[in-house]
Amino acid sequence: MAIKRNRRFHAEVHASSMSDIMFFLLLFFLIISTLANPNVIKLNLPKSKTNEKTNKQLITISVTGEVDSKTFFIDKQQVSYENLEKDLLIKVGDNKEATVVIRMPYNFQVQDLVDVMQIGVKNNIKFVLATNAKN
């Protein structure tokens, strides 16, 4: 009497091709994320020898236009200079650690920068000036 063993089928998953796919997806998303720039407004910033990078959630004030006709933006939303302080305070809210980055072209007058920074001094908000690396 021949007794046969019951051979059961065991499913196997080969993960070697899955790791290749995950590697290519990782490369794709890394390349795409470096190309995505949150600041769409292009400015020629002043140059500096040293700069500090931060990972905090920042609020950006961008100033564009000509020296005599300036346009102000808070995080890509256009505001008038008269409403700049009010809209900035709404954006900052109750966050005491908020940092505001000023992006202003290098050819604007110092008084334009001081006028914007006075809003931070008046309301006790930290302001920093964005610069490009000096080559």
N, C-alpha and C. Protein backbone atom coordinates (compact mmCIF):
# COMPACT_ATOMS: atom_id res chain seq x y z
N MET A 1 0.84 -1.16 0.00
CA MET A 1 0.00 0.00 0.00
C MET A 1 0.89 1.24 0.00
N ALA A 2 0.75 2.01 -0.99
CA ALA A 2 1.59 3.19 -1.15
C ALA A 2 0.87 4.41 -0.57
N ILE A 3 1.47 5.00 0.44
CA ILE A 3 0.89 6.21 1.04
C ILE A 3 1.65 7.40 0.48
N LYS A 4 0.92 8.27 -0.13
CA LYS A 4 1.54 9.46 -0.71
C LYS A 4 1.48 10.60 0.29
N ARG A 5 2.53 11.35 0.32
CA ARG A 5 2.52 12.53 1.17
C ARG A 5 1.71 13.63 0.50
N ASN A 6 1.02 14.33 1.32
CA ASN A 6 0.21 15.44 0.81
C ASN A 6 1.13 16.65 0.63
N ARG A 7 1.50 16.92 -0.56
CA ARG A 7 2.37 18.06 -0.82
C ARG A 7 1.51 19.29 -1.06
N ARG A 8 1.70 20.22 -0.18
CA ARG A 8 0.91 21.45 -0.30
C ARG A 8 1.71 22.51 -1.06
N PHE A 9 1.00 23.32 -1.76
CA PHE A 9 1.63 24.41 -2.52
C PHE A 9 1.93 25.57 -1.56
N HIS A 10 3.15 26.05 -1.55
CA HIS A 10 3.54 27.18 -0.71
C HIS A 10 3.81 28.37 -1.63
N ALA A 11 3.03 29.43 -1.41
CA ALA A 11 3.19 30.63 -2.23
C ALA A 11 4.43 31.40 -1.79
N GLU A 12 5.18 31.88 -2.73
CA GLU A 12 6.38 32.66 -2.44
C GLU A 12 6.28 33.99 -3.16
N VAL A 13 6.75 35.01 -2.48
CA VAL A 13 6.79 36.34 -3.06
C VAL A 13 8.25 36.74 -3.19
N HIS A 14 8.68 37.02 -4.37
CA HIS A 14 10.04 37.46 -4.60
C HIS A 14 10.07 38.98 -4.50
N ALA A 15 10.79 39.47 -3.52
CA ALA A 15 10.80 40.90 -3.23
C ALA A 15 11.95 41.64 -3.92
N SER A 16 12.75 40.97 -4.69
CA SER A 16 13.89 41.64 -5.30
C SER A 16 13.44 42.70 -6.31
N SER A 17 12.43 42.41 -7.10
CA SER A 17 11.95 43.41 -8.05
C SER A 17 11.22 44.54 -7.34
N MET A 18 10.60 44.26 -6.20
CA MET A 18 9.92 45.30 -5.43
C MET A 18 10.92 46.31 -4.88
N SER A 19 12.07 45.85 -4.45
CA SER A 19 13.07 46.78 -3.93
C SER A 19 13.62 47.66 -5.06
N ASP A 20 13.75 47.14 -6.26
CA ASP A 20 14.18 47.96 -7.40
C ASP A 20 13.17 49.05 -7.70
N ILE A 21 11.91 48.68 -7.67
CA ILE A 21 10.85 49.67 -7.94
C ILE A 21 10.85 50.75 -6.87
N MET A 22 10.99 50.37 -5.60
CA MET A 22 11.01 51.34 -4.51
C MET A 22 12.22 52.27 -4.62
N PHE A 23 13.35 51.73 -5.05
CA PHE A 23 14.54 52.55 -5.24
C PHE A 23 14.31 53.60 -6.33
N PHE A 24 13.73 53.19 -7.45
CA PHE A 24 13.46 54.15 -8.53
C PHE A 24 12.42 55.19 -8.11
N LEU A 25 11.41 54.79 -7.35
CA LEU A 25 10.44 55.76 -6.86
C LEU A 25 11.08 56.75 -5.90
N LEU A 26 11.95 56.28 -5.04
CA LEU A 26 12.65 57.16 -4.13
C LEU A 26 13.49 58.18 -4.88
N LEU A 27 14.23 57.72 -5.88
CA LEU A 27 15.02 58.66 -6.70
C LEU A 27 14.13 59.66 -7.41
N PHE A 28 13.04 59.20 -7.96
CA PHE A 28 12.12 60.09 -8.67
C PHE A 28 11.60 61.19 -7.75
N PHE A 29 11.14 60.82 -6.55
CA PHE A 29 10.58 61.82 -5.64
C PHE A 29 11.65 62.75 -5.08
N LEU A 30 12.86 62.26 -4.89
CA LEU A 30 13.93 63.14 -4.45
C LEU A 30 14.27 64.18 -5.51
N ILE A 31 14.33 63.77 -6.75
CA ILE A 31 14.65 64.71 -7.83
C ILE A 31 13.52 65.72 -8.00
N ILE A 32 12.29 65.26 -7.98
CA ILE A 32 11.15 66.17 -8.14
C ILE A 32 11.05 67.15 -6.98
N SER A 33 11.31 66.70 -5.76
CA SER A 33 11.19 67.60 -4.60
C SER A 33 12.27 68.68 -4.62
N THR A 34 13.43 68.42 -5.19
CA THR A 34 14.44 69.47 -5.27
C THR A 34 14.12 70.49 -6.36
N LEU A 35 13.34 70.09 -7.34
CA LEU A 35 12.96 71.02 -8.40
C LEU A 35 11.81 71.92 -7.98
N ALA A 36 10.99 71.49 -7.05
CA ALA A 36 9.85 72.27 -6.61
C ALA A 36 10.33 73.38 -5.67
N ASN A 37 10.09 74.62 -6.04
CA ASN A 37 10.49 75.77 -5.24
C ASN A 37 9.24 76.45 -4.71
N PRO A 38 9.10 76.60 -3.39
CA PRO A 38 7.88 77.19 -2.86
C PRO A 38 7.74 78.67 -3.17
N ASN A 39 8.86 79.35 -3.43
CA ASN A 39 8.80 80.78 -3.72
C ASN A 39 8.81 80.97 -5.23
N VAL A 40 7.65 81.28 -5.77
CA VAL A 40 7.52 81.42 -7.21
C VAL A 40 7.97 82.79 -7.67
N ILE A 41 7.96 83.77 -6.79
CA ILE A 41 8.31 85.14 -7.14
C ILE A 41 9.82 85.23 -7.28
N LYS A 42 10.30 85.52 -8.48
CA LYS A 42 11.74 85.57 -8.75
C LYS A 42 12.29 86.96 -8.41
N LEU A 43 13.33 86.98 -7.57
CA LEU A 43 13.96 88.23 -7.18
C LEU A 43 15.47 88.08 -7.24
N ASN A 44 16.17 89.17 -7.50
CA ASN A 44 17.62 89.21 -7.39
C ASN A 44 17.95 89.65 -5.98
N LEU A 45 18.24 88.69 -5.11
CA LEU A 45 18.49 88.99 -3.70
C LEU A 45 19.90 89.50 -3.51
N PRO A 46 20.15 90.20 -2.40
CA PRO A 46 21.52 90.62 -2.09
C PRO A 46 22.40 89.42 -1.84
N LYS A 47 23.71 89.61 -1.98
CA LYS A 47 24.67 88.53 -1.80
C LYS A 47 25.29 88.62 -0.40
N SER A 48 25.61 87.47 0.18
CA SER A 48 26.31 87.44 1.46
C SER A 48 27.28 86.27 1.48
N LYS A 49 28.35 86.40 2.26
CA LYS A 49 29.35 85.33 2.35
C LYS A 49 28.84 84.17 3.18
N THR A 50 28.12 84.44 4.24
CA THR A 50 27.59 83.38 5.09
C THR A 50 26.07 83.47 5.10
N ASN A 51 25.46 82.33 5.23
CA ASN A 51 24.00 82.30 5.36
C ASN A 51 23.62 81.14 6.25
N GLU A 52 22.44 81.21 6.78
CA GLU A 52 21.95 80.17 7.69
C GLU A 52 20.66 79.62 7.13
N LYS A 53 20.57 78.32 7.09
CA LYS A 53 19.36 77.68 6.59
C LYS A 53 18.57 77.18 7.78
N THR A 54 17.25 77.24 7.65
CA THR A 54 16.39 76.79 8.74
C THR A 54 15.30 75.89 8.19
N ASN A 55 14.82 75.01 9.03
CA ASN A 55 13.74 74.10 8.63
C ASN A 55 12.41 74.50 9.24
N LYS A 56 12.34 75.66 9.84
CA LYS A 56 11.10 76.13 10.46
C LYS A 56 10.08 76.49 9.39
N GLN A 57 8.84 76.50 9.81
CA GLN A 57 7.78 76.98 8.93
C GLN A 57 7.86 78.51 8.93
N LEU A 58 8.17 79.08 7.80
CA LEU A 58 8.41 80.51 7.72
C LEU A 58 7.29 81.21 6.97
N ILE A 59 7.13 82.48 7.29
CA ILE A 59 6.23 83.36 6.55
C ILE A 59 7.12 84.25 5.70
N THR A 60 6.78 84.41 4.43
CA THR A 60 7.64 85.15 3.51
C THR A 60 6.95 86.44 3.08
N ILE A 61 7.69 87.54 3.18
CA ILE A 61 7.26 88.81 2.60
C ILE A 61 8.18 89.07 1.42
N SER A 62 7.60 89.17 0.23
CA SER A 62 8.37 89.46 -0.97
C SER A 62 7.98 90.84 -1.48
N VAL A 63 8.98 91.59 -1.90
CA VAL A 63 8.76 92.92 -2.44
C VAL A 63 9.29 92.92 -3.87
N THR A 64 8.42 93.26 -4.83
CA THR A 64 8.82 93.28 -6.23
C THR A 64 8.49 94.63 -6.83
N GLY A 65 8.76 94.76 -8.10
CA GLY A 65 8.43 95.98 -8.82
C GLY A 65 9.62 96.88 -8.98
N GLU A 66 9.34 98.11 -9.32
CA GLU A 66 10.38 99.11 -9.49
C GLU A 66 10.57 99.85 -8.17
N VAL A 67 11.61 100.66 -8.12
CA VAL A 67 11.93 101.38 -6.90
C VAL A 67 10.80 102.33 -6.51
N ASP A 68 10.13 102.92 -7.52
CA ASP A 68 9.05 103.88 -7.22
C ASP A 68 7.68 103.22 -7.08
N SER A 69 7.48 102.02 -7.61
CA SER A 69 6.19 101.33 -7.49
C SER A 69 6.44 99.90 -7.01
N LYS A 70 6.28 99.70 -5.72
CA LYS A 70 6.57 98.39 -5.12
C LYS A 70 5.29 97.59 -4.95
N THR A 71 5.42 96.27 -5.10
CA THR A 71 4.31 95.35 -4.88
C THR A 71 4.72 94.41 -3.75
N PHE A 72 3.84 94.25 -2.77
CA PHE A 72 4.14 93.43 -1.60
C PHE A 72 3.33 92.13 -1.65
N PHE A 73 3.97 91.04 -1.24
CA PHE A 73 3.34 89.72 -1.19
C PHE A 73 3.60 89.10 0.17
N ILE A 74 2.58 88.48 0.74
CA ILE A 74 2.76 87.64 1.92
C ILE A 74 2.45 86.22 1.48
N ASP A 75 3.48 85.39 1.42
CA ASP A 75 3.34 84.00 0.95
C ASP A 75 2.57 83.93 -0.37
N LYS A 76 3.03 84.64 -1.36
CA LYS A 76 2.49 84.66 -2.73
C LYS A 76 1.12 85.30 -2.85
N GLN A 77 0.62 85.92 -1.79
CA GLN A 77 -0.67 86.63 -1.86
C GLN A 77 -0.37 88.13 -1.84
N GLN A 78 -0.81 88.83 -2.87
CA GLN A 78 -0.51 90.25 -3.00
C GLN A 78 -1.31 91.06 -1.99
N VAL A 79 -0.62 91.99 -1.31
CA VAL A 79 -1.26 92.90 -0.35
C VAL A 79 -0.71 94.30 -0.59
N SER A 80 -1.47 95.29 -0.19
CA SER A 80 -0.98 96.66 -0.29
C SER A 80 -0.13 96.97 0.93
N TYR A 81 0.71 98.01 0.83
CA TYR A 81 1.57 98.36 1.95
C TYR A 81 0.74 98.78 3.16
N GLU A 82 -0.39 99.42 2.92
CA GLU A 82 -1.25 99.87 4.01
C GLU A 82 -1.82 98.68 4.80
N ASN A 83 -2.08 97.58 4.12
CA ASN A 83 -2.65 96.39 4.79
C ASN A 83 -1.59 95.35 5.16
N LEU A 84 -0.32 95.65 4.91
CA LEU A 84 0.74 94.69 5.15
C LEU A 84 0.82 94.28 6.62
N GLU A 85 0.78 95.23 7.51
CA GLU A 85 0.88 94.93 8.93
C GLU A 85 -0.31 94.12 9.42
N LYS A 86 -1.51 94.53 9.02
CA LYS A 86 -2.73 93.83 9.46
C LYS A 86 -2.75 92.40 8.95
N ASP A 87 -2.44 92.20 7.66
CA ASP A 87 -2.44 90.85 7.09
C ASP A 87 -1.33 89.98 7.68
N LEU A 88 -0.19 90.59 7.98
CA LEU A 88 0.91 89.85 8.59
C LEU A 88 0.54 89.38 9.99
N LEU A 89 -0.10 90.24 10.77
CA LEU A 89 -0.53 89.85 12.11
C LEU A 89 -1.57 88.74 12.06
N ILE A 90 -2.43 88.75 11.07
CA ILE A 90 -3.41 87.67 10.91
C ILE A 90 -2.68 86.37 10.57
N LYS A 91 -1.68 86.46 9.69
CA LYS A 91 -0.93 85.27 9.28
C LYS A 91 -0.13 84.69 10.44
N VAL A 92 0.49 85.55 11.25
CA VAL A 92 1.29 85.09 12.39
C VAL A 92 0.38 84.50 13.47
N GLY A 93 -0.73 85.16 13.74
CA GLY A 93 -1.67 84.66 14.75
C GLY A 93 -1.05 84.65 16.13
N ASP A 94 -1.25 83.55 16.85
CA ASP A 94 -0.74 83.43 18.22
C ASP A 94 0.63 82.78 18.28
N ASN A 95 1.24 82.50 17.14
CA ASN A 95 2.53 81.84 17.10
C ASN A 95 3.64 82.82 17.51
N LYS A 96 4.15 82.66 18.72
CA LYS A 96 5.20 83.56 19.23
C LYS A 96 6.56 83.25 18.63
N GLU A 97 6.73 82.05 18.06
CA GLU A 97 8.01 81.64 17.47
C GLU A 97 8.06 81.88 15.96
N ALA A 98 7.09 82.58 15.43
CA ALA A 98 7.04 82.79 13.98
C ALA A 98 8.23 83.63 13.52
N THR A 99 8.77 83.25 12.39
CA THR A 99 9.87 83.99 11.78
C THR A 99 9.43 84.42 10.39
N VAL A 100 9.64 85.68 10.08
CA VAL A 100 9.24 86.24 8.79
C VAL A 100 10.50 86.49 7.97
N VAL A 101 10.53 85.97 6.75
CA VAL A 101 11.66 86.15 5.85
C VAL A 101 11.31 87.25 4.87
N ILE A 102 12.16 88.25 4.79
CA ILE A 102 11.96 89.36 3.84
C ILE A 102 12.79 89.06 2.61
N ARG A 103 12.13 89.01 1.48
CA ARG A 103 12.80 88.81 0.19
C ARG A 103 12.65 90.11 -0.60
N MET A 104 13.73 90.88 -0.67
CA MET A 104 13.70 92.18 -1.32
C MET A 104 14.88 92.27 -2.28
N PRO A 105 14.67 92.79 -3.49
CA PRO A 105 15.77 92.90 -4.45
C PRO A 105 16.92 93.76 -3.92
N TYR A 106 18.11 93.47 -4.41
CA TYR A 106 19.30 94.16 -3.92
C TYR A 106 19.33 95.63 -4.30
N ASN A 107 18.61 96.02 -5.35
CA ASN A 107 18.71 97.41 -5.82
C ASN A 107 17.68 98.34 -5.17
N PHE A 108 16.89 97.85 -4.23
CA PHE A 108 15.96 98.73 -3.53
C PHE A 108 16.72 99.53 -2.48
N GLN A 109 16.13 100.63 -2.06
CA GLN A 109 16.77 101.48 -1.06
C GLN A 109 16.69 100.85 0.32
N VAL A 110 17.62 101.23 1.17
CA VAL A 110 17.64 100.72 2.53
C VAL A 110 16.38 101.15 3.28
N GLN A 111 15.87 102.32 2.97
CA GLN A 111 14.67 102.80 3.64
C GLN A 111 13.47 101.89 3.39
N ASP A 112 13.41 101.30 2.19
CA ASP A 112 12.32 100.36 1.90
C ASP A 112 12.40 99.15 2.84
N LEU A 113 13.60 98.66 3.05
CA LEU A 113 13.80 97.53 3.96
C LEU A 113 13.46 97.92 5.40
N VAL A 114 13.89 99.09 5.81
CA VAL A 114 13.64 99.55 7.18
C VAL A 114 12.14 99.74 7.40
N ASP A 115 11.43 100.23 6.41
CA ASP A 115 9.98 100.42 6.55
C ASP A 115 9.28 99.09 6.81
N VAL A 116 9.69 98.04 6.12
CA VAL A 116 9.09 96.72 6.32
C VAL A 116 9.51 96.14 7.67
N MET A 117 10.78 96.32 8.05
CA MET A 117 11.26 95.75 9.31
C MET A 117 10.68 96.46 10.53
N GLN A 118 10.24 97.69 10.38
CA GLN A 118 9.61 98.40 11.49
C GLN A 118 8.32 97.72 11.93
N ILE A 119 7.67 97.03 11.03
CA ILE A 119 6.46 96.28 11.38
C ILE A 119 6.82 95.18 12.38
N GLY A 120 7.94 94.51 12.15
CA GLY A 120 8.38 93.46 13.07
C GLY A 120 8.80 94.00 14.42
N VAL A 121 9.48 95.14 14.42
CA VAL A 121 9.92 95.74 15.68
C VAL A 121 8.70 96.18 16.49
N LYS A 122 7.75 96.77 15.82
CA LYS A 122 6.55 97.28 16.48
C LYS A 122 5.72 96.16 17.11
N ASN A 123 5.66 95.01 16.44
CA ASN A 123 4.81 93.91 16.89
C ASN A 123 5.59 92.74 17.50
N ASN A 124 6.89 92.93 17.74
CA ASN A 124 7.74 91.92 18.37
C ASN A 124 7.73 90.60 17.58
N ILE A 125 7.97 90.69 16.27
CA ILE A 125 8.05 89.54 15.38
C ILE A 125 9.49 89.46 14.86
N LYS A 126 10.02 88.24 14.80
CA LYS A 126 11.38 88.05 14.29
C LYS A 126 11.39 88.15 12.77
N PHE A 127 12.25 89.01 12.26
CA PHE A 127 12.42 89.18 10.82
C PHE A 127 13.84 88.79 10.45
N VAL A 128 14.01 88.15 9.29
CA VAL A 128 15.32 87.88 8.72
C VAL A 128 15.29 88.28 7.25
N LEU A 129 16.46 88.59 6.71
CA LEU A 129 16.58 89.00 5.32
C LEU A 129 17.13 87.85 4.51
N ALA A 130 16.45 87.49 3.43
CA ALA A 130 16.91 86.42 2.54
C ALA A 130 18.01 86.95 1.64
N THR A 131 19.06 86.13 1.46
CA THR A 131 20.17 86.51 0.59
C THR A 131 20.57 85.32 -0.26
N ASN A 132 21.33 85.59 -1.31
CA ASN A 132 21.93 84.53 -2.13
C ASN A 132 23.37 84.37 -1.70
N ALA A 133 23.93 83.19 -1.96
CA ALA A 133 25.32 82.94 -1.63
C ALA A 133 26.23 83.75 -2.54
N LYS A 134 27.27 84.32 -1.96
CA LYS A 134 28.22 85.11 -2.73
C LYS A 134 29.26 84.19 -3.33
N ASN A 135 29.47 84.30 -4.61
CA ASN A 135 30.44 83.42 -5.29
C ASN A 135 31.80 84.04 -5.32
